[in-house]
């Protein structure tokens, strides 16, 4: 379920802001991250370090399941 949307810059400050924004709605236990580019890869490393379980998705996985 999507509650809201927001944009964050790539990088450490954006990762912190993203998690702070998400946690404002409650506990964040799991997150799905699309892409393997620099932002997706870095975010996929940052979130587990903050106690968030991450599932990674490639664009092909999204389109084949729709």
C-alpha atoms as a PDB file:
ATOM      1  CA  UNK A   1       0.000   0.000   0.000  1.00  0.00           C
ATOM      2  CA  UNK A   2       1.339   3.435  -0.909  1.00  0.00           C
ATOM      3  CA  UNK A   3       0.588   6.223   1.515  1.00  0.00           C
ATOM      4  CA  UNK A   4       2.510   9.070  -0.055  1.00  0.00           C
ATOM      5  CA  UNK A   5       5.378   9.765  -2.431  1.00  0.00           C
ATOM      6  CA  UNK A   6       8.478  11.914  -2.168  1.00  0.00           C
ATOM      7  CA  UNK A   7      11.789  12.387  -3.965  1.00  0.00           C
ATOM      8  CA  UNK A   8      15.227  12.263  -2.337  1.00  0.00           C
ATOM      9  CA  UNK A   9      18.685  13.002  -3.725  1.00  0.00           C
ATOM     10  CA  UNK A  10      21.141  10.162  -4.250  1.00  0.00           C
ATOM     11  CA  UNK A  11      23.760   9.931  -1.529  1.00  0.00           C
ATOM     12  CA  UNK A  12      24.073   9.561   2.214  1.00  0.00           C
ATOM     13  CA  UNK A  13      21.972  12.612   3.080  1.00  0.00           C
ATOM     14  CA  UNK A  14      19.186  11.455   0.768  1.00  0.00           C
ATOM     15  CA  UNK A  15      19.247   7.972   2.292  1.00  0.00           C
ATOM     16  CA  UNK A  16      18.936   9.413   5.796  1.00  0.00           C
ATOM     17  CA  UNK A  17      16.135  11.730   4.723  1.00  0.00           C
ATOM     18  CA  UNK A  18      14.293   8.889   2.991  1.00  0.00           C
ATOM     19  CA  UNK A  19      14.403   6.659   6.061  1.00  0.00           C
ATOM     20  CA  UNK A  20      13.407   9.517   8.370  1.00  0.00           C
ATOM     21  CA  UNK A  21      10.461  10.312   6.080  1.00  0.00           C
ATOM     22  CA  UNK A  22       9.380   6.661   5.916  1.00  0.00           C
ATOM     23  CA  UNK A  23       9.661   6.218   9.688  1.00  0.00           C
ATOM     24  CA  UNK A  24       7.404   9.221  10.251  1.00  0.00           C
ATOM     25  CA  UNK A  25       4.561   6.882   9.189  1.00  0.00           C
ATOM     26  CA  UNK A  26       5.616   4.087  11.553  1.00  0.00           C
ATOM     27  CA  UNK A  27       8.150   1.306  11.906  1.00  0.00           C
ATOM     28  CA  UNK A  28      10.061   0.396   8.748  1.00  0.00           C
ATOM     29  CA  UNK A  29      10.856  -3.307   8.735  1.00  0.00           C
ATOM     30  CA  UNK A  30      11.096  -4.079   5.012  1.00  0.00           C
ATOM     31  CA  UNK A  31      11.696  -2.133   1.824  1.00  0.00           C
ATOM     32  CA  UNK A  32      11.772  -2.967  -1.861  1.00  0.00           C
ATOM     33  CA  UNK A  33      14.472  -1.216  -3.862  1.00  0.00           C
ATOM     34  CA  UNK A  34      14.257  -1.009  -7.644  1.00  0.00           C
ATOM     35  CA  UNK A  35      17.390  -0.921  -9.744  1.00  0.00           C
ATOM     36  CA  UNK A  36      21.010  -1.841  -9.429  1.00  0.00           C
ATOM     37  CA  UNK A  37      22.436   1.556 -10.326  1.00  0.00           C
ATOM     38  CA  UNK A  38      24.432   3.621  -7.883  1.00  0.00           C
ATOM     39  CA  UNK A  39      21.439   4.956  -5.927  1.00  0.00           C
ATOM     40  CA  UNK A  40      19.705   1.579  -5.689  1.00  0.00           C
ATOM     41  CA  UNK A  41      22.895  -0.277  -4.796  1.00  0.00           C
ATOM     42  CA  UNK A  42      23.978   2.226  -2.163  1.00  0.00           C
ATOM     43  CA  UNK A  43      20.484   2.378  -0.687  1.00  0.00           C
ATOM     44  CA  UNK A  44      20.398  -1.429  -0.599  1.00  0.00           C
ATOM     45  CA  UNK A  45      23.516  -1.353   1.571  1.00  0.00           C
ATOM     46  CA  UNK A  46      22.391   1.546   3.777  1.00  0.00           C
ATOM     47  CA  UNK A  47      18.974   0.228   4.785  1.00  0.00           C
ATOM     48  CA  UNK A  48      20.117  -3.127   6.262  1.00  0.00           C
ATOM     49  CA  UNK A  49      22.721  -1.222   8.293  1.00  0.00           C
ATOM     50  CA  UNK A  50      19.730   0.635   9.783  1.00  0.00           C
ATOM     51  CA  UNK A  51      17.820  -2.574  10.567  1.00  0.00           C
ATOM     52  CA  UNK A  52      15.621  -2.640   7.446  1.00  0.00           C
ATOM     53  CA  UNK A  53      15.251  -5.899   5.461  1.00  0.00           C
ATOM     54  CA  UNK A  54      15.686  -5.173   1.731  1.00  0.00           C
ATOM     55  CA  UNK A  55      14.339  -6.928  -1.360  1.00  0.00           C
ATOM     56  CA  UNK A  56      15.979  -5.854  -4.618  1.00  0.00           C
ATOM     57  CA  UNK A  57      14.017  -5.706  -7.870  1.00  0.00           C
ATOM     58  CA  UNK A  58      15.140  -5.266 -11.443  1.00  0.00           C
ATOM     59  CA  UNK A  59      12.869  -3.476 -13.896  1.00  0.00           C
ATOM     60  CA  UNK A  60      12.326  -6.774 -15.750  1.00  0.00           C
ATOM     61  CA  UNK A  61      10.918  -8.325 -12.561  1.00  0.00           C
ATOM     62  CA  UNK A  62       8.359  -5.521 -12.253  1.00  0.00           C
ATOM     63  CA  UNK A  63       7.199  -5.665 -15.863  1.00  0.00           C
ATOM     64  CA  UNK A  64       6.979  -9.464 -16.043  1.00  0.00           C
ATOM     65  CA  UNK A  65       4.777  -9.636 -12.954  1.00  0.00           C
ATOM     66  CA  UNK A  66       2.299  -7.005 -14.188  1.00  0.00           C
END
